[in-house]
Amino acid sequence: MDIRAKRGTLVRWNQEQRVGFIAPEDGSDELRIFGINLLPYEHMPKEGEPVVYRQWKDTLRGTKVTKAEIDLGNPITLTSPFESYDKFANDDAISWRVKVALVALAIAFGNLLYLFMINYDVSGEVDIKPPEGLFPPGSEYYVGKQDLSDVVFSCDARQQCLQMTSCQEAKYFVQNCPGFQSKVGDMPCETLWCKPD
């Protein structure tokens, strides 16, 4: 038991208002006790029962708060009535700082986005090329569209899509050369060589 805890007797108890008075063993003045601070909650307090109590100073109101437990023979554990308040007060302070930081971060991100948008030049066409090695070197993804209308293609010993040199050649081999491998894995040969319009 806490050495700061004292013993007394519950001399009066009003069940309707859930308030009573404790007469300390040392003969000092009676102390008022509210039901919210009288343990165990499931026990119906009765006048004349022995209690163990302790007082805490309420720094916000400048008063003393009494918390007591009826001595039923069980171990007595009196905890501060302000313990949960103090614990959550720190959490609120942290969450308040986090909220301010998140708002500041959102404002900074919004400003950066605004500056980017007003300085972004959309007048010129941007040609973004895929990473090296993703498509064959002669693919339209790297070299762009080529006019090969004057080139005559013919089937030869090449049987694989990756042996082609251009989009037009890949299309010709897929359509006209028997035994030609028209896919690389699950990807059609034309998709690998030809950039969509």
Protein backbone atom coordinates (compact mmCIF):
# COMPACT_ATOMS: atom_id res chain seq x y z
CA MET A 1 0.00 0.00 0.00
CA ASP A 2 1.17 3.55 -0.74
CA ILE A 3 2.80 5.10 2.38
CA ARG A 4 0.99 8.36 1.63
CA ALA A 5 -2.36 6.59 1.88
CA LYS A 6 -4.34 6.98 5.10
CA ARG A 7 -7.14 5.04 6.72
CA GLY A 8 -10.60 6.16 7.71
CA THR A 9 -14.28 5.21 7.84
CA LEU A 10 -17.09 6.03 5.44
CA VAL A 11 -19.44 7.85 7.85
CA ARG A 12 -22.05 9.15 5.43
CA TRP A 13 -23.07 8.10 1.89
CA ASN A 14 -25.80 9.45 -0.40
CA GLN A 15 -26.42 6.86 -3.12
CA GLU A 16 -28.58 9.16 -5.26
CA GLN A 17 -25.96 11.89 -5.47
CA ARG A 18 -23.03 9.44 -5.27
CA VAL A 19 -21.26 11.52 -2.64
CA GLY A 20 -20.15 10.76 0.92
CA PHE A 21 -17.82 11.69 3.76
CA ILE A 22 -14.79 9.94 5.23
CA ALA A 23 -13.80 10.33 8.89
CA PRO A 24 -9.99 9.98 9.05
CA GLU A 25 -8.51 7.69 11.74
CA ASP A 26 -6.30 10.51 13.00
CA GLY A 27 -9.38 12.52 14.06
CA SER A 28 -8.93 15.35 11.52
CA ASP A 29 -11.87 16.96 9.66
CA GLU A 30 -14.15 14.81 7.52
CA LEU A 31 -13.34 14.63 3.82
CA ARG A 32 -15.89 14.69 1.03
CA ILE A 33 -15.59 11.82 -1.49
CA PHE A 34 -17.34 11.61 -4.86
CA GLY A 35 -18.50 8.28 -6.27
CA ILE A 36 -16.23 8.67 -9.30
CA ASN A 37 -13.24 8.57 -6.92
CA LEU A 38 -14.46 5.74 -4.68
CA LEU A 39 -13.34 2.23 -5.62
CA PRO A 40 -14.33 -0.50 -6.36
CA TYR A 41 -17.03 0.84 -8.66
CA GLU A 42 -19.00 -2.42 -8.65
CA HIS A 43 -19.35 -2.35 -4.84
CA MET A 44 -22.33 -0.56 -3.23
CA PRO A 45 -20.77 1.66 -0.50
CA LYS A 46 -22.22 1.35 3.01
CA GLU A 47 -21.79 3.68 5.95
CA GLY A 48 -19.30 2.41 8.51
CA GLU A 49 -17.07 0.59 6.00
CA PRO A 50 -13.30 1.04 6.41
CA VAL A 51 -11.59 2.92 3.58
CA VAL A 52 -8.06 3.69 2.48
CA TYR A 53 -7.71 7.14 0.94
CA ARG A 54 -5.16 9.53 -0.44
CA GLN A 55 -5.31 13.18 -1.43
CA TRP A 56 -3.84 14.87 -4.51
CA LYS A 57 -3.54 18.58 -5.17
CA ASP A 58 -5.41 19.74 -8.26
CA THR A 59 -2.98 22.31 -9.68
CA LEU A 60 -5.57 23.64 -12.14
CA ARG A 61 -8.21 24.43 -9.52
CA GLY A 62 -5.98 24.81 -6.46
CA THR A 63 -8.03 22.28 -4.46
CA LYS A 64 -7.38 18.81 -3.06
CA VAL A 65 -8.95 15.75 -4.65
CA THR A 66 -9.59 12.69 -2.51
CA LYS A 67 -9.51 9.22 -3.98
CA ALA A 68 -10.41 6.23 -1.83
CA GLU A 69 -10.94 2.51 -1.92
CA ILE A 70 -13.21 0.53 0.37
CA ASP A 71 -11.07 -1.98 2.26
CA LEU A 72 -12.58 -5.34 1.31
CA GLY A 73 -9.40 -7.28 2.07
CA ASN A 74 -8.03 -6.98 -1.47
CA PRO A 75 -4.71 -5.28 -2.30
CA ILE A 76 -5.18 -1.49 -2.36
CA THR A 77 -3.88 0.36 -5.42
CA LEU A 78 -4.72 4.04 -5.45
CA THR A 79 -3.67 5.84 -8.61
CA SER A 80 -3.71 9.55 -9.23
CA PRO A 81 -7.01 10.89 -10.59
CA PHE A 82 -4.88 13.05 -12.91
CA GLU A 83 -2.80 10.20 -14.33
CA SER A 84 -4.89 9.72 -17.46
CA TYR A 85 -5.18 13.50 -17.93
CA ASP A 86 -1.41 14.01 -17.71
CA LYS A 87 -0.79 11.11 -20.07
CA PHE A 88 -3.20 12.43 -22.70
CA ALA A 89 -2.08 16.05 -22.23
CA ASN A 90 1.36 15.05 -23.51
CA ASP A 91 -0.21 13.12 -26.39
CA ASP A 92 -2.29 16.19 -27.30
CA ALA A 93 0.83 18.35 -27.26
CA ILE A 94 2.60 15.93 -29.60
CA SER A 95 -0.39 15.61 -31.89
CA TRP A 96 -0.75 19.40 -31.93
CA ARG A 97 2.87 19.75 -33.08
CA VAL A 98 2.37 17.04 -35.68
CA LYS A 99 -0.76 18.77 -36.99
CA VAL A 100 1.07 22.09 -37.33
CA ALA A 101 3.96 20.36 -39.12
CA LEU A 102 1.56 18.62 -41.53
CA VAL A 103 -0.22 21.88 -42.34
CA ALA A 104 3.13 23.63 -42.94
CA LEU A 105 4.25 20.74 -45.14
CA ALA A 106 1.03 20.88 -47.16
CA ILE A 107 1.40 24.64 -47.67
CA ALA A 108 5.04 24.24 -48.78
CA PHE A 109 4.11 21.44 -51.18
CA GLY A 110 1.26 23.53 -52.59
CA ASN A 111 3.62 26.46 -53.18
CA LEU A 112 6.16 24.25 -54.94
CA LEU A 113 3.44 22.76 -57.12
CA TYR A 114 2.16 26.23 -57.98
CA LEU A 115 5.67 27.45 -58.91
CA PHE A 116 6.21 24.36 -61.03
CA MET A 117 2.91 24.84 -62.88
CA ILE A 118 3.44 28.52 -63.68
CA ASN A 119 6.98 27.88 -64.94
CA TYR A 120 6.23 24.70 -66.90
CA ASP A 121 6.51 25.19 -70.65
CA VAL A 122 3.83 23.21 -72.44
CA SER A 123 4.37 24.87 -75.82
CA GLY A 124 7.01 22.44 -77.07
CA GLU A 125 6.39 18.74 -77.61
CA VAL A 126 8.37 16.64 -75.17
CA ASP A 127 9.78 13.38 -76.51
CA ILE A 128 10.41 11.11 -73.56
CA LYS A 129 12.44 8.04 -74.41
CA PRO A 130 12.19 4.80 -72.44
CA PRO A 131 15.25 3.50 -70.58
CA GLU A 132 18.03 1.93 -72.62
CA GLY A 133 17.59 -1.80 -73.19
CA LEU A 134 13.83 -1.81 -72.71
CA PHE A 135 13.24 -2.01 -76.49
CA PRO A 136 15.55 -3.10 -79.36
CA PRO A 137 18.04 -0.36 -80.44
CA GLY A 138 16.35 0.32 -83.82
CA SER A 139 12.87 0.56 -82.30
CA GLU A 140 10.72 3.62 -83.01
CA TYR A 141 10.80 4.29 -79.26
CA TYR A 142 14.46 5.32 -79.70
CA VAL A 143 14.87 6.43 -83.34
CA GLY A 144 11.36 7.79 -83.97
CA LYS A 145 9.17 7.16 -87.02
CA GLN A 146 11.13 6.42 -90.19
CA ASP A 147 10.00 6.57 -93.79
CA LEU A 148 11.14 3.24 -95.25
CA SER A 149 8.53 3.07 -98.04
CA ASP A 150 11.22 2.75 -100.69
CA VAL A 151 12.90 -0.26 -98.98
CA VAL A 152 11.93 -3.72 -100.27
CA PHE A 153 11.87 -6.42 -97.60
CA SER A 154 12.12 -10.18 -98.20
CA CYS A 155 12.02 -13.26 -96.01
CA ASP A 156 15.43 -14.69 -95.09
CA ALA A 157 16.95 -17.02 -92.50
CA ARG A 158 16.04 -14.78 -89.55
CA GLN A 159 13.27 -16.36 -87.49
CA GLN A 160 13.17 -14.23 -84.30
CA CYS A 161 11.63 -10.85 -83.61
CA LEU A 162 14.76 -9.47 -81.92
CA GLN A 163 16.72 -10.01 -85.18
CA MET A 164 14.71 -7.27 -86.93
CA THR A 165 16.08 -3.77 -87.56
CA SER A 166 12.94 -1.61 -87.89
CA CYS A 167 9.19 -1.44 -87.31
CA GLN A 168 8.40 -1.91 -91.03
CA GLU A 169 10.67 -4.93 -91.27
CA ALA A 170 9.07 -6.51 -88.18
CA LYS A 171 5.58 -5.97 -89.64
CA TYR A 172 6.64 -7.47 -92.97
CA PHE A 173 8.15 -10.60 -91.36
CA VAL A 174 5.12 -11.17 -89.10
CA GLN A 175 2.69 -10.94 -92.03
CA ASN A 176 4.67 -12.66 -94.79
CA CYS A 177 7.33 -15.05 -93.49
CA PRO A 178 6.23 -18.57 -92.42
CA GLY A 179 7.85 -19.93 -89.26
CA PHE A 180 8.72 -16.45 -88.01
CA GLN A 181 8.42 -16.03 -84.24
CA SER A 182 5.73 -13.35 -83.99
CA LYS A 183 5.96 -12.88 -80.21
CA VAL A 184 8.67 -12.29 -77.63
CA GLY A 185 7.24 -13.91 -74.54
CA ASP A 186 3.68 -12.57 -74.43
CA MET A 187 4.50 -9.35 -76.29
CA PRO A 188 3.68 -9.14 -80.03
CA CYS A 189 6.69 -8.33 -82.21
CA GLU A 190 5.07 -5.17 -83.62
CA THR A 191 4.55 -3.78 -80.09
CA LEU A 192 8.25 -4.18 -79.41
CA TRP A 193 9.33 -2.34 -82.55
CA CYS A 194 6.51 0.06 -83.40
CA LYS A 195 5.52 3.07 -81.31
CA PRO A 196 1.73 3.65 -81.28
CA ASP A 197 0.52 6.80 -83.03
